[in-house]
Amino acid sequence: MNYHQLNEQDIAYLISIVGEEHAFVGKNIEKDYAHDELGTVSAYPDIHVFAFDKSHVSNIMKYAYEKNIPVTVRGSGTGLVGACVPLYGGILLDLSKMNKIIELDKTNLTLRVEPGVLLMDIYEHVEKENLFYAPDPGEKSATIGGNISTNAGGMRAIKYGVTRDWVRGLEVVLPDGEMVQLGGKVVKNSTGYGLKDLIIGSEGTLAIIVEATLKLIPKPKKTVSLLVPFASREDAIQAAPQLIMEHVLPTALEFLEKQSLQYSETFLGKKIPHNNYNAYLLISYDGNNEQAIEEDVEIASALCVDKYKALDVFLVDTEERRKSVWTVRGGFLEAIKASTSQIDECDVVLPRSNIGAFLEYVRKVSDDLKIRIPYFGHVGDGNLHIYLCKDDFSDDEWQEKLKVGFQALYEKAFSFGGLVSGEHGIGYAKREFMRKQLGEKQLAIMRGIKASFDPKHILNPGKVI
């Protein structure tokens, strides 16, 4: 694209919108703002600006649209596919300071927030009122704007769905600076095309989220987890869909393997109880009827031991034990990153019936390429996180192994009816694999949607399509 190169006049105008203390240029732009959490792609903007309210965003976009300046939106930068990296320079529009919780509406069970509110702050704000926002992505320091932009999933997706299912309304700024309201507090909406749902998961390529209205429910009164050990990964993976089919839907159903568990325990300096088995299912149930949950736990425990080859069932019913186990599970990504010099991720989602065969293939690829590939996953919804580790490979060897490894893994996933990404998005890093899977017709439709929203292609160029 033939974008306008920022000059001193442009920079002075942008600074006048947000204030000199909230704009950074050239050598004053910190390195961390040139990449995301994974750091597989890096590029600096011409100017990094912090917006503090929606009028800042609107005025910046009006100017960028008029001048044909590329704009990349950023929150906490916790993404893993390069979606917040300003590949074409221009403006890095940082919304992390737009972090106000605007309204908690107990009658309509909604929460209105700015896009920079952290996920952990949403939990804290609503749960003290005995309310519940269910999406549970692993990175609790991510912003809600980023969660919406990638349609983040997490461990509770099996029962409660993903972020899209919990967004009632969005206020967005279009590329030309106009603000529009999509949806609202209403439960039902059959009013024309679902533009709100197009924004969710679009990774900042269609419009900029400046306010979100989230759905809430009453907080479940009781939560119980089960740590279920197995002699082998195959037994654990085979048990997961059987348990879902023969019993009530759990809140979360995670697969843990000894290797990933050891990485996390070493990294965190914390151990889970009963940590000497080869593989586990970590199962959680919640609800408002204590007796019903106890019955669920009894039935699930009996099924696991009597029918699914579990070696035992350990009840994780105290807050201390539950925090210990789930903290170690939540630390897997950081632990794997700490174990090597660099990682890259394959975030596939598969039909549950194919998980075992796919992970067997992952181990084959690891052996064939002689590269370490740890993994873990939300086995309840089929979303797997597979990490290729650079370790001691040279840069050239690493790039070649990534190319061959990703090609093999994605092709196998596609053969099973899987998709490129379950929750982390496409961004820059996964575009070629999405193209191969979806084909030109679907991409042409997506490009048409992009052109309708953003005819000048100034929003987050180089991403997704």
Protein backbone atom coordinates (compact mmCIF):
# COMPACT_ATOMS: atom_id res chain seq x y z
CA MET A 1 0.00 0.00 0.00
CA ASN A 2 1.13 3.55 -0.75
CA TYR A 3 0.87 4.92 2.78
CA HIS A 4 1.70 8.46 3.79
CA GLN A 5 5.04 8.77 5.58
CA LEU A 6 4.64 10.76 8.79
CA ASN A 7 6.38 14.12 8.86
CA GLU A 8 6.95 16.65 11.63
CA GLN A 9 3.60 18.31 10.99
CA ASP A 10 1.74 14.99 11.34
CA ILE A 11 3.57 14.14 14.55
CA ALA A 12 2.87 17.57 16.02
CA TYR A 13 -0.85 17.20 15.27
CA LEU A 14 -1.07 13.74 16.83
CA ILE A 15 0.76 14.98 19.92
CA SER A 16 -1.74 17.83 20.18
CA ILE A 17 -4.55 15.27 20.49
CA VAL A 18 -3.16 13.17 23.36
CA GLY A 19 -0.57 15.46 24.93
CA GLU A 20 3.22 15.41 24.72
CA GLU A 21 3.62 13.09 27.72
CA HIS A 22 1.48 10.43 26.01
CA ALA A 23 3.25 10.29 22.64
CA PHE A 24 6.62 8.75 21.80
CA VAL A 25 8.65 9.07 18.61
CA GLY A 26 11.84 7.52 17.23
CA LYS A 27 14.37 6.43 19.86
CA ASN A 28 11.86 7.19 22.61
CA ILE A 29 9.69 4.23 21.52
CA GLU A 30 10.43 1.32 23.84
CA LYS A 31 11.49 -1.98 22.29
CA ASP A 32 8.64 -3.87 23.96
CA TYR A 33 6.16 -1.99 21.77
CA ALA A 34 7.72 -3.37 18.59
CA HIS A 35 6.57 -6.94 19.26
CA ASP A 36 3.99 -9.01 21.09
CA GLU A 37 4.42 -11.63 23.84
CA LEU A 38 5.85 -14.27 21.54
CA GLY A 39 8.10 -11.90 19.62
CA THR A 40 8.25 -13.83 16.34
CA VAL A 41 7.78 -10.65 14.31
CA SER A 42 9.05 -7.15 15.10
CA ALA A 43 8.51 -3.66 13.67
CA TYR A 44 8.53 -0.14 15.08
CA PRO A 45 5.83 2.49 14.55
CA ASP A 46 6.63 6.05 13.58
CA ILE A 47 4.74 7.23 16.64
CA HIS A 48 3.36 5.44 19.70
CA VAL A 49 0.38 7.24 21.25
CA PHE A 50 -1.71 6.44 24.32
CA ALA A 51 -5.39 7.30 23.96
CA PHE A 52 -7.38 8.07 27.12
CA ASP A 53 -10.91 8.35 25.77
CA LYS A 54 -12.95 7.56 22.68
CA SER A 55 -12.66 11.13 21.36
CA HIS A 56 -8.88 10.66 21.11
CA VAL A 57 -9.42 7.51 19.05
CA SER A 58 -11.97 9.19 16.80
CA ASN A 59 -9.82 12.27 16.16
CA ILE A 60 -6.71 10.20 15.47
CA MET A 61 -8.59 8.01 13.00
CA LYS A 62 -10.13 10.99 11.21
CA TYR A 63 -6.65 12.37 10.65
CA ALA A 64 -5.16 8.98 9.70
CA TYR A 65 -7.98 8.36 7.22
CA GLU A 66 -7.58 11.77 5.61
CA LYS A 67 -3.78 11.38 5.35
CA ASN A 68 -3.75 7.64 4.53
CA ILE A 69 -1.65 6.68 7.58
CA PRO A 70 -1.59 3.05 8.79
CA VAL A 71 -2.84 2.51 12.36
CA THR A 72 -2.23 -0.54 14.53
CA VAL A 73 -4.15 -0.88 17.80
CA ARG A 74 -2.51 -2.37 20.89
CA GLY A 75 -3.64 -3.39 24.36
CA SER A 76 -1.41 -5.33 26.77
CA GLY A 77 0.59 -6.90 23.94
CA THR A 78 0.01 -10.44 25.24
CA GLY A 79 -0.88 -11.86 21.81
CA LEU A 80 1.04 -14.69 20.18
CA VAL A 81 0.61 -14.16 16.43
CA GLY A 82 2.00 -10.65 15.82
CA ALA A 83 -1.44 -9.03 15.51
CA CYS A 84 -0.45 -5.87 17.44
CA VAL A 85 2.86 -5.31 15.61
CA PRO A 86 2.91 -2.20 13.33
CA LEU A 87 4.33 -3.86 10.23
CA TYR A 88 3.96 -0.73 8.09
CA GLY A 89 5.01 1.76 10.75
CA GLY A 90 2.61 4.64 11.07
CA ILE A 91 0.64 5.04 14.30
CA LEU A 92 0.67 2.54 17.16
CA LEU A 93 -2.57 3.41 18.94
CA ASP A 94 -2.33 2.13 22.51
CA LEU A 95 -5.65 1.70 24.35
CA SER A 96 -4.24 0.22 27.57
CA LYS A 97 -4.94 3.49 29.44
CA MET A 98 -8.62 3.36 28.48
CA ASN A 99 -9.23 1.11 31.46
CA LYS A 100 -12.36 2.34 33.20
CA ILE A 101 -15.21 0.10 34.30
CA ILE A 102 -18.13 2.29 33.31
CA GLU A 103 -21.24 0.56 34.64
CA LEU A 104 -22.33 -2.62 36.39
CA ASP A 105 -26.02 -3.12 35.62
CA LYS A 106 -27.40 -5.77 37.97
CA THR A 107 -30.88 -5.63 36.48
CA ASN A 108 -29.77 -6.36 32.93
CA LEU A 109 -26.75 -8.41 34.10
CA THR A 110 -24.27 -6.47 32.00
CA LEU A 111 -20.93 -4.76 32.53
CA ARG A 112 -19.84 -1.78 30.41
CA VAL A 113 -16.09 -1.36 30.13
CA GLU A 114 -13.43 0.45 28.17
CA PRO A 115 -11.16 -1.76 26.03
CA GLY A 116 -8.08 -1.46 28.26
CA VAL A 117 -9.68 -3.06 31.32
CA LEU A 118 -7.74 -6.16 32.31
CA LEU A 119 -9.45 -9.52 32.48
CA MET A 120 -8.36 -9.96 36.11
CA ASP A 121 -9.99 -6.65 37.03
CA ILE A 122 -13.28 -7.71 35.47
CA TYR A 123 -13.30 -10.88 37.56
CA GLU A 124 -12.55 -8.95 40.74
CA HIS A 125 -15.18 -6.29 40.05
CA VAL A 126 -18.09 -8.62 39.31
CA GLU A 127 -17.35 -11.53 41.64
CA LYS A 128 -17.49 -9.37 44.76
CA GLU A 129 -21.10 -8.70 43.67
CA ASN A 130 -21.68 -12.47 43.30
CA LEU A 131 -21.74 -12.15 39.52
CA PHE A 132 -19.74 -14.07 36.96
CA TYR A 133 -18.00 -13.36 33.65
CA ALA A 134 -17.21 -16.83 32.38
CA PRO A 135 -14.55 -16.60 29.62
CA ASP A 136 -11.27 -17.75 31.14
CA PRO A 137 -8.27 -17.19 28.81
CA GLY A 138 -4.94 -18.16 30.32
CA GLU A 139 -3.44 -14.64 30.33
CA LYS A 140 -5.36 -12.72 32.98
CA SER A 141 -3.34 -9.54 32.35
CA ALA A 142 -4.73 -9.31 28.80
CA THR A 143 -7.14 -6.47 28.04
CA ILE A 144 -10.78 -7.15 27.29
CA GLY A 145 -10.35 -5.33 23.97
CA GLY A 146 -7.67 -7.83 23.00
CA ASN A 147 -9.81 -10.74 24.16
CA ILE A 148 -12.69 -9.52 22.00
CA SER A 149 -10.43 -8.83 19.04
CA THR A 150 -9.15 -12.42 19.05
CA ASN A 151 -12.37 -14.06 20.31
CA ALA A 152 -10.34 -15.55 23.16
CA GLY A 153 -11.45 -18.91 24.54
CA GLY A 154 -9.83 -20.44 27.59
CA MET A 155 -10.45 -23.33 29.91
CA ARG A 156 -14.16 -22.80 30.59
CA ALA A 157 -15.16 -22.72 26.92
CA ILE A 158 -16.46 -26.29 27.00
CA LYS A 159 -19.38 -25.24 29.23
CA TYR A 160 -19.67 -21.48 28.86
CA GLY A 161 -18.47 -20.77 25.34
CA VAL A 162 -15.90 -18.23 24.14
CA THR A 163 -15.67 -14.44 24.38
CA ARG A 164 -18.10 -13.92 21.47
CA ASP A 165 -20.85 -15.57 23.53
CA TRP A 166 -20.40 -12.98 26.30
CA VAL A 167 -20.38 -9.73 24.31
CA ARG A 168 -23.78 -8.03 24.12
CA GLY A 169 -22.70 -4.78 22.53
CA LEU A 170 -19.74 -2.84 21.17
CA GLU A 171 -19.08 0.80 20.49
CA VAL A 172 -16.47 1.10 17.78
CA VAL A 173 -14.61 3.76 15.86
CA LEU A 174 -14.55 3.10 12.14
CA PRO A 175 -11.44 3.80 10.05
CA ASP A 176 -12.80 7.22 9.01
CA GLY A 177 -13.23 8.21 12.68
CA GLU A 178 -17.01 7.82 12.92
CA MET A 179 -18.34 6.15 16.09
CA VAL A 180 -21.11 3.56 15.84
CA GLN A 181 -22.96 1.40 18.37
CA LEU A 182 -23.37 -2.29 17.59
CA GLY A 183 -25.79 -4.18 19.83
CA GLY A 184 -26.27 -3.12 23.44
CA LYS A 185 -27.76 -4.51 26.64
CA VAL A 186 -30.45 -6.51 24.87
CA VAL A 187 -30.47 -10.32 25.00
CA LYS A 188 -31.89 -10.85 21.50
CA ASN A 189 -30.97 -9.05 18.31
CA SER A 190 -32.19 -9.94 14.81
CA THR A 191 -31.75 -6.43 13.45
CA GLY A 192 -29.92 -6.84 10.17
CA TYR A 193 -26.50 -8.35 9.66
CA GLY A 194 -24.51 -9.23 12.79
CA LEU A 195 -21.89 -6.49 12.50
CA LYS A 196 -20.97 -6.83 16.17
CA ASP A 197 -19.94 -10.43 15.59
CA LEU A 198 -17.83 -9.43 12.60
CA ILE A 199 -15.79 -7.14 14.84
CA ILE A 200 -15.28 -9.90 17.42
CA GLY A 201 -12.28 -11.92 16.27
CA SER A 202 -11.28 -9.45 13.52
CA GLU A 203 -7.98 -8.59 15.27
CA GLY A 204 -8.28 -4.84 14.84
CA THR A 205 -8.58 -4.96 11.04
CA LEU A 206 -12.16 -3.66 10.69
CA ALA A 207 -12.80 -1.15 13.49
CA ILE A 208 -11.47 -0.06 16.89
CA ILE A 209 -13.33 -1.15 20.02
CA VAL A 210 -13.75 1.80 22.41
CA GLU A 211 -16.42 0.31 24.68
CA ALA A 212 -17.86 -3.15 25.31
CA THR A 213 -21.02 -4.34 27.02
CA LEU A 214 -20.46 -7.79 28.50
CA LYS A 215 -22.98 -10.39 29.57
CA LEU A 216 -22.89 -11.58 33.19
CA ILE A 217 -24.61 -14.38 35.11
CA PRO A 218 -24.97 -15.11 38.84
CA LYS A 219 -21.75 -16.54 40.21
CA PRO A 220 -21.88 -20.33 40.74
CA LYS A 221 -21.96 -21.03 44.46
CA LYS A 222 -19.68 -24.04 44.41
CA THR A 223 -16.74 -25.24 42.30
CA VAL A 224 -14.97 -28.58 42.68
CA SER A 225 -12.05 -29.96 40.68
CA LEU A 226 -10.83 -33.50 40.16
CA LEU A 227 -7.25 -34.45 39.39
CA VAL A 228 -7.42 -37.80 37.61
CA PRO A 229 -4.14 -39.66 36.88
CA PHE A 230 -3.66 -42.20 34.10
CA ALA A 231 -0.90 -44.63 33.19
CA SER A 232 -0.59 -43.15 29.68
CA ARG A 233 -1.52 -40.08 27.64
CA GLU A 234 -3.61 -42.31 25.37
CA ASP A 235 -5.81 -43.47 28.26
CA ALA A 236 -6.31 -39.90 29.48
CA ILE A 237 -7.17 -38.52 26.03
CA GLN A 238 -9.57 -41.38 25.28
CA ALA A 239 -11.35 -40.85 28.59
CA ALA A 240 -12.18 -37.17 27.94
CA PRO A 241 -14.87 -37.50 25.22
CA GLN A 242 -16.34 -40.55 26.93
CA LEU A 243 -16.81 -38.61 30.15
CA ILE A 244 -18.51 -35.76 28.29
CA MET A 245 -20.80 -38.17 26.44
CA GLU A 246 -21.82 -40.25 29.46
CA HIS A 247 -22.05 -37.54 32.11
CA VAL A 248 -22.87 -33.86 32.65
CA LEU A 249 -20.78 -31.23 30.91
CA PRO A 250 -17.83 -30.13 33.08
CA THR A 251 -16.82 -26.50 33.50
CA ALA A 252 -13.30 -27.31 32.31
CA LEU A 253 -11.54 -30.43 31.09
CA GLU A 254 -7.76 -30.07 30.70
CA PHE A 255 -5.09 -32.56 29.64
CA LEU A 256 -1.82 -32.49 31.56
CA GLU A 257 1.24 -34.55 30.72
CA LYS A 258 4.22 -35.19 32.97
CA GLN A 259 6.69 -33.21 30.87
CA SER A 260 4.68 -29.97 30.76
CA LEU A 261 3.81 -30.39 34.44
CA GLN A 262 7.49 -30.63 35.35
CA TYR A 263 8.33 -27.52 33.30
CA SER A 264 5.67 -25.54 35.15
CA GLU A 265 6.56 -26.84 38.61
CA THR A 266 10.22 -25.98 38.06
CA PHE A 267 9.39 -22.53 36.69
CA LEU A 268 6.94 -21.63 39.47
CA GLY A 269 8.74 -23.41 42.28
CA LYS A 270 5.42 -25.03 43.22
CA LYS A 271 4.28 -28.63 43.00
CA ILE A 272 0.82 -30.05 42.63
CA PRO A 273 -0.27 -32.89 44.91
CA HIS A 274 0.07 -36.40 43.42
CA ASN A 275 2.53 -35.26 40.74
CA ASN A 276 4.18 -38.62 39.99
CA TYR A 277 1.92 -39.91 37.18
CA ASN A 278 2.43 -39.89 33.41
CA ALA A 279 -0.78 -38.11 32.42
CA TYR A 280 -3.81 -36.46 33.97
CA LEU A 281 -7.21 -35.04 33.30
CA LEU A 282 -8.00 -31.94 35.35
CA ILE A 283 -11.78 -31.70 35.55
CA SER A 284 -13.88 -28.96 37.09
CA TYR A 285 -17.60 -28.83 37.92
CA ASP A 286 -19.55 -25.83 39.15
CA GLY A 287 -23.13 -24.90 39.96
CA ASN A 288 -25.52 -23.64 42.61
CA ASN A 289 -26.73 -26.95 44.02
CA GLU A 290 -24.10 -28.41 46.33
CA GLN A 291 -25.76 -31.80 46.49
CA ALA A 292 -25.98 -32.01 42.68
CA ILE A 293 -22.29 -31.16 42.32
CA GLU A 294 -21.34 -33.81 44.87
CA GLU A 295 -23.36 -36.33 42.86
CA ASP A 296 -21.61 -35.20 39.65
CA VAL A 297 -18.24 -35.72 41.31
CA GLU A 298 -19.20 -39.18 42.57
CA ILE A 299 -20.48 -40.27 39.16
CA ALA A 300 -17.47 -38.83 37.31
CA SER A 301 -15.06 -40.45 39.75
CA ALA A 302 -16.71 -43.85 39.39
CA LEU A 303 -16.75 -43.62 35.60
CA CYS A 304 -13.07 -42.62 35.47
CA VAL A 305 -11.90 -45.54 37.62
CA ASP A 306 -14.36 -48.24 36.57
CA LYS A 307 -14.62 -47.55 32.82
CA TYR A 308 -11.89 -45.16 31.64
CA LYS A 309 -8.73 -46.77 33.10
CA ALA A 310 -7.99 -43.99 35.59
CA LEU A 311 -5.51 -44.99 38.28
CA ASP A 312 -7.19 -42.89 40.95
CA VAL A 313 -9.27 -39.76 41.45
CA PHE A 314 -8.07 -36.95 43.73
CA LEU A 315 -10.57 -34.39 44.97
CA VAL A 316 -9.38 -30.79 44.76
CA ASP A 317 -12.01 -29.20 46.96
CA THR A 318 -10.21 -26.66 49.15
CA GLU A 319 -9.28 -23.21 47.91
CA GLU A 320 -5.59 -23.84 48.67
CA ARG A 321 -5.43 -27.11 46.72
CA ARG A 322 -7.48 -25.72 43.84
CA LYS A 323 -5.25 -22.65 43.57
CA SER A 324 -2.14 -24.83 43.67
CA VAL A 325 -3.26 -27.11 40.84
CA TRP A 326 -4.73 -24.44 38.57
CA THR A 327 -1.77 -22.09 39.09
CA VAL A 328 0.60 -24.80 37.88
CA ARG A 329 -1.71 -25.48 34.91
CA GLY A 330 -1.88 -21.75 34.13
CA GLY A 331 1.90 -21.49 34.14
CA PHE A 332 2.52 -23.94 31.29
CA LEU A 333 3.19 -21.37 28.55
CA GLU A 334 5.58 -19.24 30.61
CA ALA A 335 7.34 -22.38 31.83
CA ILE A 336 7.90 -23.69 28.30
CA LYS A 337 9.16 -20.26 27.19
CA ALA A 338 11.60 -20.23 30.09
CA SER A 339 12.94 -23.68 29.14
CA THR A 340 14.33 -22.57 25.76
CA SER A 341 15.77 -19.67 23.80
CA GLN A 342 12.72 -19.16 21.55
CA ILE A 343 9.37 -20.80 20.82
CA ASP A 344 6.69 -20.69 18.17
CA GLU A 345 3.17 -22.02 18.56
CA CYS A 346 0.67 -24.13 16.69
CA ASP A 347 -2.78 -23.26 18.14
CA VAL A 348 -4.95 -25.82 16.38
CA VAL A 349 -8.47 -26.90 17.27
CA LEU A 350 -9.68 -30.39 16.36
CA PRO A 351 -12.71 -32.61 16.76
CA ARG A 352 -12.27 -34.26 20.16
CA SER A 353 -12.27 -37.69 18.56
CA ASN A 354 -9.00 -36.92 16.72
CA ILE A 355 -6.93 -35.49 19.58
CA GLY A 356 -5.16 -38.74 20.43
CA ALA A 357 -4.13 -39.49 16.85
CA PHE A 358 -2.98 -35.90 16.30
CA LEU A 359 -0.78 -35.84 19.41
CA GLU A 360 0.72 -39.15 18.36
CA TYR A 361 1.63 -37.45 15.07
CA VAL A 362 3.10 -34.48 16.96
CA ARG A 363 5.47 -36.86 18.71
CA LYS A 364 6.41 -38.39 15.35
CA VAL A 365 7.22 -34.93 13.94
CA SER A 366 9.30 -34.23 17.04
CA ASP A 367 11.29 -37.42 16.52
CA ASP A 368 11.69 -36.94 12.76
CA LEU A 369 12.89 -33.34 13.06
CA LYS A 370 14.83 -33.99 16.27
CA ILE A 371 13.19 -30.95 17.86
CA ARG A 372 11.54 -30.62 21.25
CA ILE A 373 7.77 -30.08 20.97
CA PRO A 374 5.99 -29.84 24.34
CA TYR A 375 2.23 -29.38 24.33
CA PHE A 376 -0.88 -29.10 26.47
CA GLY A 377 -4.49 -28.45 25.70
CA HIS A 378 -8.12 -27.84 26.42
CA VAL A 379 -9.01 -31.43 25.64
CA GLY A 380 -12.66 -30.76 26.45
CA ASP A 381 -13.08 -28.45 23.43
CA GLY A 382 -10.31 -29.82 21.19
CA ASN A 383 -8.01 -26.78 21.35
CA LEU A 384 -4.33 -27.78 21.59
CA HIS A 385 -1.28 -25.61 22.21
CA ILE A 386 1.83 -27.09 20.63
CA TYR A 387 5.21 -25.39 20.98
CA LEU A 388 8.30 -25.85 18.84
CA CYS A 389 11.42 -25.03 20.88
CA LYS A 390 14.56 -23.57 19.34
CA ASP A 391 16.97 -24.72 22.06
CA ASP A 392 20.49 -24.85 20.53
CA PHE A 393 19.60 -24.69 16.83
CA SER A 394 21.15 -21.97 14.69
CA ASP A 395 18.80 -19.36 13.23
CA ASP A 396 18.87 -21.05 9.81
CA GLU A 397 18.20 -24.50 11.28
CA TRP A 398 15.41 -23.08 13.43
CA GLN A 399 13.63 -21.43 10.49
CA GLU A 400 13.87 -24.61 8.41
CA LYS A 401 12.48 -26.76 11.23
CA LEU A 402 9.65 -24.29 11.80
CA LYS A 403 8.76 -24.36 8.11
CA VAL A 404 8.75 -28.15 7.85
CA GLY A 405 7.21 -28.72 11.27
CA PHE A 406 4.33 -26.28 10.91
CA GLN A 407 3.56 -27.52 7.41
CA ALA A 408 3.32 -31.09 8.68
CA LEU A 409 1.29 -30.26 11.78
CA TYR A 410 -1.26 -28.05 10.04
CA GLU A 411 -1.75 -30.46 7.15
CA LYS A 412 -2.42 -33.28 9.61
CA ALA A 413 -4.82 -31.08 11.58
CA PHE A 414 -6.68 -30.13 8.41
CA SER A 415 -6.98 -33.81 7.44
CA PHE A 416 -8.83 -34.37 10.73
CA GLY A 417 -11.22 -31.48 10.13
CA GLY A 418 -9.26 -29.11 12.38
CA LEU A 419 -8.73 -25.36 12.03
CA VAL A 420 -5.67 -23.11 12.14
CA SER A 421 -6.54 -21.34 15.38
CA GLY A 422 -8.79 -22.12 18.30
CA GLU A 423 -8.31 -18.90 20.26
CA HIS A 424 -5.10 -16.99 19.52
CA GLY A 425 -6.06 -15.69 16.10
CA ILE A 426 -4.25 -15.39 12.78
CA GLY A 427 -2.43 -12.05 12.96
CA TYR A 428 0.67 -12.07 10.81
CA ALA A 429 2.20 -15.42 11.76
CA LYS A 430 -0.56 -17.80 10.67
CA ARG A 431 -1.84 -16.13 7.48
CA GLU A 432 -0.33 -18.59 5.01
CA PHE A 433 -1.86 -21.57 6.80
CA MET A 434 -5.30 -19.96 6.86
CA ARG A 435 -5.03 -19.25 3.15
CA LYS A 436 -4.22 -22.88 2.40
CA GLN A 437 -7.13 -24.10 4.46
CA LEU A 438 -9.92 -21.70 3.52
CA GLY A 439 -9.19 -21.24 -0.18
CA GLU A 440 -9.59 -18.22 -2.41
CA LYS A 441 -13.39 -17.96 -2.31
CA GLN A 442 -13.61 -17.48 1.46
CA LEU A 443 -10.64 -15.12 1.43
CA ALA A 444 -12.28 -13.05 -1.31
CA ILE A 445 -15.40 -12.71 0.86
CA MET A 446 -13.26 -11.65 3.82
CA ARG A 447 -11.42 -9.11 1.67
CA GLY A 448 -14.77 -7.72 0.58
CA ILE A 449 -15.78 -7.28 4.23
CA LYS A 450 -12.45 -5.60 4.95
CA ALA A 451 -12.94 -3.22 2.02
CA SER A 452 -16.47 -2.32 3.20
CA PHE A 453 -15.20 -1.32 6.64
CA ASP A 454 -11.78 -0.03 5.66
CA PRO A 455 -11.55 0.93 1.96
CA LYS A 456 -8.12 2.54 2.43
CA HIS A 457 -6.74 -0.50 4.29
CA ILE A 458 -5.23 1.62 7.03
CA LEU A 459 -6.33 -0.49 10.02
CA ASN A 460 -3.75 -3.09 11.05
CA PRO A 461 -2.46 -3.74 7.52
CA GLY A 462 -0.70 -7.01 6.78
CA LYS A 463 -2.78 -9.05 9.22
CA VAL A 464 -5.29 -11.89 8.86
CA ILE A 465 -6.07 -11.59 5.12
